[in-house]
Amino acid sequence: MGINSKHLATFILGAAAGVAAHKYLQTEEGEKLLEDLKSKANNFKADAEGAIDKAPEYFDELKTKGADTLKSAFPDAEAFFKDLYEKFVGSKGEAGTTTSTDPIPEPIS
């Protein structure tokens, strides 16, 4: 793979942008920008760590409220899911039961 003029121009522009950014960050205004970015990053990190600490409480509350809402909106849902679970576990747990399998159709070519 050869180097063509587009690759060379891209490399030169990238290098020029890097030099310009380095020169800008050496100025007083650039140093202020870096300090501002560092403080914002530290604030973001603190917020993220706080969110991690609060996550278990949030998910417990979400689970409780979700279950209550489901029970009030669909009162028969709990019985339905229990029956469904029993059918699923019961069919796997019983020995000697045969399950009928439908033939798998051939794929269309």
PDB file of N, CA and C in Angstrom:
ATOM      1  N   MET A   1       0.850  -1.160   0.000  1.00  0.00           N
ATOM      2  CA  MET A   1       0.000   0.000   0.000  1.00  0.00           C
ATOM      3  C   MET A   1       0.904   1.234   0.000  1.00  0.00           C
ATOM      4  N   GLY A   2       0.764   2.017  -0.993  1.00  0.00           N
ATOM      5  CA  GLY A   2       1.627   3.179  -1.133  1.00  0.00           C
ATOM      6  C   GLY A   2       1.054   4.409  -0.451  1.00  0.00           C
ATOM      7  N   ILE A   3       1.923   5.337  -0.221  1.00  0.00           N
ATOM      8  CA  ILE A   3       1.510   6.611   0.374  1.00  0.00           C
ATOM      9  C   ILE A   3       1.156   7.549  -0.767  1.00  0.00           C
ATOM     10  N   ASN A   4      -0.083   8.036  -0.771  1.00  0.00           N
ATOM     11  CA  ASN A   4      -0.455   8.983  -1.807  1.00  0.00           C
ATOM     12  C   ASN A   4      -0.557  10.385  -1.205  1.00  0.00           C
ATOM     13  N   SER A   5      -0.893  11.334  -2.013  1.00  0.00           N
ATOM     14  CA  SER A   5      -0.890  12.738  -1.565  1.00  0.00           C
ATOM     15  C   SER A   5      -1.941  13.000  -0.491  1.00  0.00           C
ATOM     16  N   LYS A   6      -3.060  12.265  -0.503  1.00  0.00           N
ATOM     17  CA  LYS A   6      -4.091  12.459   0.527  1.00  0.00           C
ATOM     18  C   LYS A   6      -3.557  12.055   1.903  1.00  0.00           C
ATOM     19  N   HIS A   7      -2.863  10.921   1.964  1.00  0.00           N
ATOM     20  CA  HIS A   7      -2.310  10.468   3.232  1.00  0.00           C
ATOM     21  C   HIS A   7      -1.273  11.452   3.760  1.00  0.00           C
ATOM     22  N   LEU A   8      -0.426  11.933   2.881  1.00  0.00           N
ATOM     23  CA  LEU A   8       0.616  12.874   3.276  1.00  0.00           C
ATOM     24  C   LEU A   8       0.013  14.189   3.756  1.00  0.00           C
ATOM     25  N   ALA A   9      -0.997  14.680   3.046  1.00  0.00           N
ATOM     26  CA  ALA A   9      -1.660  15.921   3.450  1.00  0.00           C
ATOM     27  C   ALA A   9      -2.359  15.748   4.791  1.00  0.00           C
ATOM     28  N   THR A  10      -2.994  14.613   5.012  1.00  0.00           N
ATOM     29  CA  THR A  10      -3.667  14.344   6.285  1.00  0.00           C
ATOM     30  C   THR A  10      -2.663  14.307   7.426  1.00  0.00           C
ATOM     31  N   PHE A  11      -1.522  13.678   7.205  1.00  0.00           N
ATOM     32  CA  PHE A  11      -0.495  13.615   8.235  1.00  0.00           C
ATOM     33  C   PHE A  11       0.033  15.008   8.559  1.00  0.00           C
ATOM     34  N   ILE A  12       0.297  15.805   7.540  1.00  0.00           N
ATOM     35  CA  ILE A  12       0.828  17.154   7.759  1.00  0.00           C
ATOM     36  C   ILE A  12      -0.186  18.028   8.487  1.00  0.00           C
ATOM     37  N   LEU A  13      -1.457  17.940   8.111  1.00  0.00           N
ATOM     38  CA  LEU A  13      -2.496  18.720   8.798  1.00  0.00           C
ATOM     39  C   LEU A  13      -2.651  18.281  10.251  1.00  0.00           C
ATOM     40  N   GLY A  14      -2.572  17.002  10.497  1.00  0.00           N
ATOM     41  CA  GLY A  14      -2.664  16.502  11.870  1.00  0.00           C
ATOM     42  C   GLY A  14      -1.503  16.966  12.717  1.00  0.00           C
ATOM     43  N   ALA A  15      -0.323  16.918  12.152  1.00  0.00           N
ATOM     44  CA  ALA A  15       0.862  17.374  12.881  1.00  0.00           C
ATOM     45  C   ALA A  15       0.775  18.870  13.158  1.00  0.00           C
ATOM     46  N   ALA A  16       0.294  19.641  12.178  1.00  0.00           N
ATOM     47  CA  ALA A  16       0.156  21.089  12.374  1.00  0.00           C
ATOM     48  C   ALA A  16      -0.875  21.387  13.462  1.00  0.00           C
ATOM     49  N   ALA A  17      -1.970  20.634  13.474  1.00  0.00           N
ATOM     50  CA  ALA A  17      -2.984  20.832  14.506  1.00  0.00           C
ATOM     51  C   ALA A  17      -2.419  20.496  15.884  1.00  0.00           C
ATOM     52  N   GLY A  18      -1.610  19.452  15.965  1.00  0.00           N
ATOM     53  CA  GLY A  18      -0.986  19.084  17.235  1.00  0.00           C
ATOM     54  C   GLY A  18      -0.036  20.152  17.736  1.00  0.00           C
ATOM     55  N   VAL A  19       0.759  20.725  16.835  1.00  0.00           N
ATOM     56  CA  VAL A  19       1.688  21.790  17.216  1.00  0.00           C
ATOM     57  C   VAL A  19       0.912  23.018  17.678  1.00  0.00           C
ATOM     58  N   ALA A  20      -0.161  23.365  16.954  1.00  0.00           N
ATOM     59  CA  ALA A  20      -0.961  24.532  17.326  1.00  0.00           C
ATOM     60  C   ALA A  20      -1.620  24.323  18.687  1.00  0.00           C
ATOM     61  N   ALA A  21      -2.149  23.126  18.941  1.00  0.00           N
ATOM     62  CA  ALA A  21      -2.772  22.844  20.238  1.00  0.00           C
ATOM     63  C   ALA A  21      -1.741  22.930  21.354  1.00  0.00           C
ATOM     64  N   HIS A  22      -0.544  22.419  21.117  1.00  0.00           N
ATOM     65  CA  HIS A  22       0.516  22.479  22.124  1.00  0.00           C
ATOM     66  C   HIS A  22       0.900  23.931  22.424  1.00  0.00           C
ATOM     67  N   LYS A  23       1.027  24.735  21.392  1.00  0.00           N
ATOM     68  CA  LYS A  23       1.371  26.154  21.584  1.00  0.00           C
ATOM     69  C   LYS A  23       0.267  26.873  22.359  1.00  0.00           C
ATOM     70  N   TYR A  24      -1.007  26.572  22.025  1.00  0.00           N
ATOM     71  CA  TYR A  24      -2.128  27.216  22.709  1.00  0.00           C
ATOM     72  C   TYR A  24      -2.176  26.818  24.178  1.00  0.00           C
ATOM     73  N   LEU A  25      -1.954  25.556  24.467  1.00  0.00           N
ATOM     74  CA  LEU A  25      -2.036  25.089  25.854  1.00  0.00           C
ATOM     75  C   LEU A  25      -0.887  25.606  26.710  1.00  0.00           C
ATOM     76  N   GLN A  26       0.175  26.109  26.094  1.00  0.00           N
ATOM     77  CA  GLN A  26       1.290  26.690  26.847  1.00  0.00           C
ATOM     78  C   GLN A  26       0.998  28.129  27.272  1.00  0.00           C
ATOM     79  N   THR A  27      -0.037  28.754  26.697  1.00  0.00           N
ATOM     80  CA  THR A  27      -0.375  30.132  27.067  1.00  0.00           C
ATOM     81  C   THR A  27      -1.167  30.131  28.363  1.00  0.00           C
ATOM     82  N   GLU A  28      -1.367  31.328  28.913  1.00  0.00           N
ATOM     83  CA  GLU A  28      -2.121  31.455  30.168  1.00  0.00           C
ATOM     84  C   GLU A  28      -3.576  31.036  29.961  1.00  0.00           C
ATOM     85  N   GLU A  29      -4.137  31.415  28.826  1.00  0.00           N
ATOM     86  CA  GLU A  29      -5.520  31.039  28.532  1.00  0.00           C
ATOM     87  C   GLU A  29      -5.655  29.529  28.373  1.00  0.00           C
ATOM     88  N   GLY A  30      -4.671  28.905  27.756  1.00  0.00           N
ATOM     89  CA  GLY A  30      -4.682  27.454  27.591  1.00  0.00           C
ATOM     90  C   GLY A  30      -4.571  26.729  28.914  1.00  0.00           C
ATOM     91  N   GLU A  31      -3.741  27.265  29.821  1.00  0.00           N
ATOM     92  CA  GLU A  31      -3.621  26.657  31.152  1.00  0.00           C
ATOM     93  C   GLU A  31      -4.930  26.777  31.931  1.00  0.00           C
ATOM     94  N   LYS A  32      -5.625  27.909  31.760  1.00  0.00           N
ATOM     95  CA  LYS A  32      -6.939  28.065  32.407  1.00  0.00           C
ATOM     96  C   LYS A  32      -7.924  27.035  31.851  1.00  0.00           C
ATOM     97  N   LEU A  33      -7.863  26.830  30.543  1.00  0.00           N
ATOM     98  CA  LEU A  33      -8.731  25.832  29.914  1.00  0.00           C
ATOM     99  C   LEU A  33      -8.458  24.438  30.477  1.00  0.00           C
ATOM    100  N   LEU A  34      -7.188  24.082  30.616  1.00  0.00           N
ATOM    101  CA  LEU A  34      -6.839  22.770  31.173  1.00  0.00           C
ATOM    102  C   LEU A  34      -7.320  22.625  32.610  1.00  0.00           C
ATOM    103  N   GLU A  35      -7.152  23.663  33.420  1.00  0.00           N
ATOM    104  CA  GLU A  35      -7.625  23.604  34.810  1.00  0.00           C
ATOM    105  C   GLU A  35      -9.141  23.457  34.859  1.00  0.00           C
ATOM    106  N   ASP A  36      -9.835  24.172  33.979  1.00  0.00           N
ATOM    107  CA  ASP A  36     -11.295  24.072  33.927  1.00  0.00           C
ATOM    108  C   ASP A  36     -11.717  22.653  33.534  1.00  0.00           C
ATOM    109  N   LEU A  37     -11.040  22.091  32.548  1.00  0.00           N
ATOM    110  CA  LEU A  37     -11.355  20.720  32.134  1.00  0.00           C
ATOM    111  C   LEU A  37     -11.079  19.713  33.254  1.00  0.00           C
ATOM    112  N   LYS A  38      -9.983  19.920  33.979  1.00  0.00           N
ATOM    113  CA  LYS A  38      -9.655  19.015  35.085  1.00  0.00           C
ATOM    114  C   LYS A  38     -10.703  19.097  36.185  1.00  0.00           C
ATOM    115  N   SER A  39     -11.153  20.320  36.517  1.00  0.00           N
ATOM    116  CA  SER A  39     -12.160  20.449  37.582  1.00  0.00           C
ATOM    117  C   SER A  39     -13.487  19.844  37.145  1.00  0.00           C
ATOM    118  N   LYS A  40     -13.861  20.036  35.882  1.00  0.00           N
ATOM    119  CA  LYS A  40     -15.101  19.425  35.390  1.00  0.00           C
ATOM    120  C   LYS A  40     -15.003  17.905  35.388  1.00  0.00           C
ATOM    121  N   ALA A  41     -13.841  17.370  35.029  1.00  0.00           N
ATOM    122  CA  ALA A  41     -13.655  15.915  35.036  1.00  0.00           C
ATOM    123  C   ALA A  41     -13.739  15.364  36.456  1.00  0.00           C
ATOM    124  N   ASN A  42     -13.158  16.075  37.423  1.00  0.00           N
ATOM    125  CA  ASN A  42     -13.235  15.632  38.814  1.00  0.00           C
ATOM    126  C   ASN A  42     -14.662  15.677  39.334  1.00  0.00           C
ATOM    127  N   ASN A  43     -15.417  16.732  38.960  1.00  0.00           N
ATOM    128  CA  ASN A  43     -16.825  16.808  39.361  1.00  0.00           C
ATOM    129  C   ASN A  43     -17.625  15.665  38.756  1.00  0.00           C
ATOM    130  N   PHE A  44     -17.358  15.380  37.488  1.00  0.00           N
ATOM    131  CA  PHE A  44     -18.048  14.281  36.818  1.00  0.00           C
ATOM    132  C   PHE A  44     -17.723  12.945  37.481  1.00  0.00           C
ATOM    133  N   LYS A  45     -16.468  12.770  37.865  1.00  0.00           N
ATOM    134  CA  LYS A  45     -16.050  11.536  38.533  1.00  0.00           C
ATOM    135  C   LYS A  45     -16.756  11.396  39.876  1.00  0.00           C
ATOM    136  N   ALA A  46     -16.856  12.497  40.632  1.00  0.00           N
ATOM    137  CA  ALA A  46     -17.538  12.450  41.925  1.00  0.00           C
ATOM    138  C   ALA A  46     -19.020  12.128  41.754  1.00  0.00           C
ATOM    139  N   ASP A  47     -19.651  12.719  40.738  1.00  0.00           N
ATOM    140  CA  ASP A  47     -21.061  12.416  40.472  1.00  0.00           C
ATOM    141  C   ASP A  47     -21.248  10.947  40.103  1.00  0.00           C
ATOM    142  N   ALA A  48     -20.338  10.414  39.298  1.00  0.00           N
ATOM    143  CA  ALA A  48     -20.439   9.012  38.884  1.00  0.00           C
ATOM    144  C   ALA A  48     -20.257   8.078  40.083  1.00  0.00           C
ATOM    145  N   GLU A  49     -19.304   8.399  40.961  1.00  0.00           N
ATOM    146  CA  GLU A  49     -19.103   7.559  42.146  1.00  0.00           C
ATOM    147  C   GLU A  49     -20.313   7.621  43.066  1.00  0.00           C
ATOM    148  N   GLY A  50     -20.934   8.803  43.181  1.00  0.00           N
ATOM    149  CA  GLY A  50     -22.149   8.928  43.982  1.00  0.00           C
ATOM    150  C   GLY A  50     -23.291   8.122  43.398  1.00  0.00           C
ATOM    151  N   ALA A  51     -23.387   8.119  42.072  1.00  0.00           N
ATOM    152  CA  ALA A  51     -24.440   7.342  41.415  1.00  0.00           C
ATOM    153  C   ALA A  51     -24.235   5.853  41.640  1.00  0.00           C
ATOM    154  N   ILE A  52     -22.981   5.421  41.643  1.00  0.00           N
ATOM    155  CA  ILE A  52     -22.696   3.994  41.885  1.00  0.00           C
ATOM    156  C   ILE A  52     -23.112   3.610  43.300  1.00  0.00           C
ATOM    157  N   ASP A  53     -22.874   4.510  44.249  1.00  0.00           N
ATOM    158  CA  ASP A  53     -23.261   4.213  45.630  1.00  0.00           C
ATOM    159  C   ASP A  53     -24.772   4.161  45.800  1.00  0.00           C
ATOM    160  N   LYS A  54     -25.501   4.975  45.030  1.00  0.00           N
ATOM    161  CA  LYS A  54     -26.961   5.031  45.158  1.00  0.00           C
ATOM    162  C   LYS A  54     -27.681   3.994  44.312  1.00  0.00           C
ATOM    163  N   ALA A  55     -26.981   3.326  43.399  1.00  0.00           N
ATOM    164  CA  ALA A  55     -27.616   2.397  42.461  1.00  0.00           C
ATOM    165  C   ALA A  55     -28.375   1.255  43.146  1.00  0.00           C
ATOM    166  N   PRO A  56     -27.818   0.577  44.151  1.00  0.00           N
ATOM    167  CA  PRO A  56     -28.579  -0.524  44.760  1.00  0.00           C
ATOM    168  C   PRO A  56     -29.901  -0.062  45.380  1.00  0.00           C
ATOM    169  N   GLU A  57     -29.885   1.091  46.041  1.00  0.00           N
ATOM    170  CA  GLU A  57     -31.123   1.623  46.621  1.00  0.00           C
ATOM    171  C   GLU A  57     -32.132   1.939  45.524  1.00  0.00           C
ATOM    172  N   TYR A  58     -31.651   2.541  44.447  1.00  0.00           N
ATOM    173  CA  TYR A  58     -32.536   2.904  43.342  1.00  0.00           C
ATOM    174  C   TYR A  58     -33.196   1.663  42.739  1.00  0.00           C
ATOM    175  N   PHE A  59     -32.414   0.618  42.502  1.00  0.00           N
ATOM    176  CA  PHE A  59     -32.972  -0.581  41.882  1.00  0.00           C
ATOM    177  C   PHE A  59     -33.907  -1.328  42.833  1.00  0.00           C
ATOM    178  N   ASP A  60     -33.638  -1.297  44.137  1.00  0.00           N
ATOM    179  CA  ASP A  60     -34.574  -1.892  45.091  1.00  0.00           C
ATOM    180  C   ASP A  60     -35.905  -1.153  45.066  1.00  0.00           C
ATOM    181  N   GLU A  61     -35.833   0.179  45.041  1.00  0.00           N
ATOM    182  CA  GLU A  61     -37.059   0.986  44.984  1.00  0.00           C
ATOM    183  C   GLU A  61     -37.800   0.739  43.668  1.00  0.00           C
ATOM    184  N   LEU A  62     -37.058   0.652  42.573  1.00  0.00           N
ATOM    185  CA  LEU A  62     -37.665   0.399  41.278  1.00  0.00           C
ATOM    186  C   LEU A  62     -38.350  -0.965  41.251  1.00  0.00           C
ATOM    187  N   LYS A  63     -37.706  -1.970  41.848  1.00  0.00           N
ATOM    188  CA  LYS A  63     -38.285  -3.312  41.887  1.00  0.00           C
ATOM    189  C   LYS A  63     -39.579  -3.310  42.698  1.00  0.00           C
ATOM    190  N   THR A  64     -39.560  -2.641  43.848  1.00  0.00           N
ATOM    191  CA  THR A  64     -40.743  -2.595  44.710  1.00  0.00           C
ATOM    192  C   THR A  64     -41.887  -1.854  44.034  1.00  0.00           C
ATOM    193  N   LYS A  65     -41.587  -0.673  43.503  1.00  0.00           N
ATOM    194  CA  LYS A  65     -42.642   0.108  42.845  1.00  0.00           C
ATOM    195  C   LYS A  65     -43.142  -0.591  41.595  1.00  0.00           C
ATOM    196  N   GLY A  66     -42.244  -1.234  40.853  1.00  0.00           N
ATOM    197  CA  GLY A  66     -42.655  -1.951  39.659  1.00  0.00           C
ATOM    198  C   GLY A  66     -43.567  -3.116  39.986  1.00  0.00           C
ATOM    199  N   ALA A  67     -43.234  -3.845  41.029  1.00  0.00           N
ATOM    200  CA  ALA A  67     -44.075  -4.973  41.437  1.00  0.00           C
ATOM    201  C   ALA A  67     -45.440  -4.482  41.906  1.00  0.00           C
ATOM    202  N   ASP A  68     -45.456  -3.398  42.681  1.00  0.00           N
ATOM    203  CA  ASP A  68     -46.733  -2.853  43.149  1.00  0.00           C
ATOM    204  C   ASP A  68     -47.594  -2.359  41.991  1.00  0.00           C
ATOM    205  N   THR A  69     -46.975  -1.694  41.037  1.00  0.00           N
ATOM    206  CA  THR A  69     -47.708  -1.199  39.880  1.00  0.00           C
ATOM    207  C   THR A  69     -48.240  -2.347  39.044  1.00  0.00           C
ATOM    208  N   LEU A  70     -47.442  -3.371  38.858  1.00  0.00           N
ATOM    209  CA  LEU A  70     -47.885  -4.528  38.096  1.00  0.00           C
ATOM    210  C   LEU A  70     -49.052  -5.220  38.790  1.00  0.00           C
ATOM    211  N   LYS A  71     -48.973  -5.350  40.114  1.00  0.00           N
ATOM    212  CA  LYS A  71     -50.061  -6.002  40.856  1.00  0.00           C
ATOM    213  C   LYS A  71     -51.344  -5.185  40.795  1.00  0.00           C
ATOM    214  N   SER A  72     -51.219  -3.843  40.848  1.00  0.00           N
ATOM    215  CA  SER A  72     -52.434  -3.035  40.809  1.00  0.00           C
ATOM    216  C   SER A  72     -53.020  -2.965  39.397  1.00  0.00           C
ATOM    217  N   ALA A  73     -52.189  -2.930  38.377  1.00  0.00           N
ATOM    218  CA  ALA A  73     -52.694  -2.836  37.009  1.00  0.00           C
ATOM    219  C   ALA A  73     -53.164  -4.190  36.480  1.00  0.00           C
ATOM    220  N   PHE A  74     -52.464  -5.249  36.837  1.00  0.00           N
ATOM    221  CA  PHE A  74     -52.802  -6.596  36.376  1.00  0.00           C
ATOM    222  C   PHE A  74     -52.862  -7.527  37.585  1.00  0.00           C
ATOM    223  N   PRO A  75     -53.993  -7.578  38.264  1.00  0.00           N
ATOM    224  CA  PRO A  75     -54.069  -8.378  39.501  1.00  0.00           C
ATOM    225  C   PRO A  75     -53.838  -9.877  39.282  1.00  0.00           C
ATOM    226  N   ASP A  76     -54.105 -10.389  38.095  1.00  0.00           N
ATOM    227  CA  ASP A  76     -53.923 -11.816  37.831  1.00  0.00           C
ATOM    228  C   ASP A  76     -52.520 -12.145  37.323  1.00  0.00           C
ATOM    229  N   ALA A  77     -51.665 -11.161  37.204  1.00  0.00           N
ATOM    230  CA  ALA A  77     -50.338 -11.385  36.631  1.00  0.00           C
ATOM    231  C   ALA A  77     -49.496 -12.318  37.497  1.00  0.00           C
ATOM    232  N   GLU A  78     -49.574 -12.172  38.814  1.00  0.00           N
ATOM    233  CA  GLU A  78     -48.758 -13.009  39.693  1.00  0.00           C
ATOM    234  C   GLU A  78     -49.134 -14.483  39.545  1.00  0.00           C
ATOM    235  N   ALA A  79     -50.436 -14.757  39.518  1.00  0.00           N
ATOM    236  CA  ALA A  79     -50.883 -16.140  39.352  1.00  0.00           C
ATOM    237  C   ALA A  79     -50.484 -16.670  37.974  1.00  0.00           C
ATOM    238  N   PHE A  80     -50.573 -15.826  36.955  1.00  0.00           N
ATOM    239  CA  PHE A  80     -50.196 -16.243  35.604  1.00  0.00           C
ATOM    240  C   PHE A  80     -48.724 -16.632  35.550  1.00  0.00           C
ATOM    241  N   PHE A  81     -47.865 -15.798  36.119  1.00  0.00           N
ATOM    242  CA  PHE A  81     -46.434 -16.092  36.087  1.00  0.00           C
ATOM    243  C   PHE A  81     -46.078 -17.303  36.943  1.00  0.00           C
ATOM    244  N   LYS A  82     -46.781 -17.497  38.054  1.00  0.00           N
ATOM    245  CA  LYS A  82     -46.535 -18.696  38.860  1.00  0.00           C
ATOM    246  C   LYS A  82     -46.922 -19.948  38.090  1.00  0.00           C
ATOM    247  N   ASP A  83     -48.070 -19.921  37.424  1.00  0.00           N
ATOM    248  CA  ASP A  83     -48.493 -21.066  36.616  1.00  0.00           C
ATOM    249  C   ASP A  83     -47.518 -21.328  35.471  1.00  0.00           C
ATOM    250  N   LEU A  84     -47.080 -20.270  34.841  1.00  0.00           N
ATOM    251  CA  LEU A  84     -46.130 -20.406  33.745  1.00  0.00           C
ATOM    252  C   LEU A  84     -44.818 -21.001  34.236  1.00  0.00           C
ATOM    253  N   TYR A  85     -44.357 -20.553  35.382  1.00  0.00           N
ATOM    254  CA  TYR A  85     -43.129 -21.079  35.962  1.00  0.00           C
ATOM    255  C   TYR A  85     -43.282 -22.555  36.318  1.00  0.00           C
ATOM    256  N   GLU A  86     -44.394 -22.911  36.911  1.00  0.00           N
ATOM    257  CA  GLU A  86     -44.643 -24.306  37.276  1.00  0.00           C
ATOM    258  C   GLU A  86     -44.689 -25.198  36.040  1.00  0.00           C
ATOM    259  N   LYS A  87     -45.310 -24.718  34.973  1.00  0.00           N
ATOM    260  CA  LYS A  87     -45.352 -25.511  33.738  1.00  0.00           C
ATOM    261  C   LYS A  87     -43.950 -25.701  33.179  1.00  0.00           C
ATOM    262  N   PHE A  88     -43.142 -24.651  33.223  1.00  0.00           N
ATOM    263  CA  PHE A  88     -41.789 -24.727  32.683  1.00  0.00           C
ATOM    264  C   PHE A  88     -40.916 -25.636  33.527  1.00  0.00           C
ATOM    265  N   VAL A  89     -40.912 -25.454  34.839  1.00  0.00           N
ATOM    266  CA  VAL A  89     -40.077 -26.255  35.728  1.00  0.00           C
ATOM    267  C   VAL A  89     -40.622 -27.670  35.837  1.00  0.00           C
ATOM    268  N   GLY A  90     -41.921 -27.809  35.870  1.00  0.00           N
ATOM    269  CA  GLY A  90     -42.529 -29.125  35.990  1.00  0.00           C
ATOM    270  C   GLY A  90     -42.232 -29.999  34.801  1.00  0.00           C
ATOM    271  N   SER A  91     -42.214 -29.439  33.603  1.00  0.00           N
ATOM    272  CA  SER A  91     -41.960 -30.253  32.418  1.00  0.00           C
ATOM    273  C   SER A  91     -40.506 -30.706  32.354  1.00  0.00           C
ATOM    274  N   LYS A  92     -39.590 -29.919  32.882  1.00  0.00           N
ATOM    275  CA  LYS A  92     -38.184 -30.317  32.880  1.00  0.00           C
ATOM    276  C   LYS A  92     -37.860 -31.239  34.041  1.00  0.00           C
ATOM    277  N   GLY A  93     -38.560 -31.089  35.155  1.00  0.00           N
ATOM    278  CA  GLY A  93     -38.227 -31.839  36.353  1.00  0.00           C
ATOM    279  C   GLY A  93     -38.799 -33.240  36.374  1.00  0.00           C
ATOM    280  N   GLU A  94     -39.854 -33.507  35.615  1.00  0.00           N
ATOM    281  CA  GLU A  94     -40.484 -34.821  35.642  1.00  0.00           C
ATOM    282  C   GLU A  94     -39.714 -35.792  34.761  1.00  0.00           C
ATOM    283  N   ALA A  95     -39.443 -36.976  35.327  1.00  0.00           N
ATOM    284  CA  ALA A  95     -38.729 -37.998  34.563  1.00  0.00           C
ATOM    285  C   ALA A  95     -39.736 -38.840  33.805  1.00  0.00           C
ATOM    286  N   GLY A  96     -39.357 -39.272  32.627  1.00  0.00           N
ATOM    287  CA  GLY A  96     -40.209 -40.174  31.867  1.00  0.00           C
ATOM    288  C   GLY A  96     -41.251 -39.473  31.043  1.00  0.00           C
ATOM    289  N   THR A  97     -41.293 -38.181  31.038  1.00  0.00           N
ATOM    290  CA  THR A  97     -42.275 -37.511  30.196  1.00  0.00           C
ATOM    291  C   THR A  97     -41.675 -37.292  28.830  1.00  0.00           C
ATOM    292  N   THR A  98     -42.493 -37.422  27.842  1.00  0.00           N
ATOM    293  CA  THR A  98     -42.027 -37.198  26.485  1.00  0.00           C
ATOM    294  C   THR A  98     -42.613 -35.889  25.998  1.00  0.00           C
ATOM    295  N   THR A  99     -41.849 -35.209  25.263  1.00  0.00           N
ATOM    296  CA  THR A  99     -42.331 -33.965  24.692  1.00  0.00           C
ATOM    297  C   THR A  99     -42.448 -34.158  23.204  1.00  0.00           C
ATOM    298  N   SER A 100     -43.535 -33.649  22.659  1.00  0.00           N
ATOM    299  CA  SER A 100     -43.713 -33.783  21.224  1.00  0.00           C
ATOM    300  C   SER A 100     -42.983 -32.623  20.554  1.00  0.00           C
ATOM    301  N   THR A 101     -42.241 -32.987  19.550  1.00  0.00           N
ATOM    302  CA  THR A 101     -41.521 -31.951  18.826  1.00  0.00           C
ATOM    303  C   THR A 101     -42.077 -31.866  17.422  1.00  0.00           C
ATOM    304  N   ASP A 102     -42.290 -30.661  16.978  1.00  0.00           N
ATOM    305  CA  ASP A 102     -42.762 -30.458  15.612  1.00  0.00           C
ATOM    306  C   ASP A 102     -41.577 -30.600  14.677  1.00  0.00           C
ATOM    307  N   PRO A 103     -41.824 -31.136  13.503  1.00  0.00           N
ATOM    308  CA  PRO A 103     -40.701 -31.252  12.557  1.00  0.00           C
ATOM    309  C   PRO A 103     -40.208 -29.865  12.155  1.00  0.00           C
ATOM    310  N   ILE A 104     -38.909 -29.771  12.022  1.00  0.00           N
ATOM    311  CA  ILE A 104     -38.310 -28.504  11.629  1.00  0.00           C
ATOM    312  C   ILE A 104     -38.331 -28.412  10.114  1.00  0.00           C
ATOM    313  N   PRO A 105     -38.924 -27.351   9.581  1.00  0.00           N
ATOM    314  CA  PRO A 105     -38.985 -27.260   8.110  1.00  0.00           C
ATOM    315  C   PRO A 105     -37.608 -27.000   7.520  1.00  0.00           C
ATOM    316  N   GLU A 106     -37.434 -27.441   6.286  1.00  0.00           N
ATOM    317  CA  GLU A 106     -36.176 -27.226   5.585  1.00  0.00           C
ATOM    318  C   GLU A 106     -36.061 -25.749   5.233  1.00  0.00           C
ATOM    319  N   PRO A 107     -34.860 -25.209   5.299  1.00  0.00           N
ATOM    320  CA  PRO A 107     -34.694 -23.797   4.941  1.00  0.00           C
ATOM    321  C   PRO A 107     -34.937 -23.576   3.462  1.00  0.00           C
ATOM    322  N   ILE A 108     -35.412 -22.398   3.145  1.00  0.00           N
ATOM    323  CA  ILE A 108     -35.663 -22.038   1.750  1.00  0.00           C
ATOM    324  C   ILE A 108     -34.367 -21.607   1.122  1.00  0.00           C
ATOM    325  N   SER A 109     -34.014 -22.209   0.017  1.00  0.00           N
ATOM    326  CA  SER A 109     -32.751 -21.872  -0.653  1.00  0.00           C
ATOM    327  C   SER A 109     -32.970 -20.851  -1.729  1.00  0.00           C
TER     328      SER A 109
END
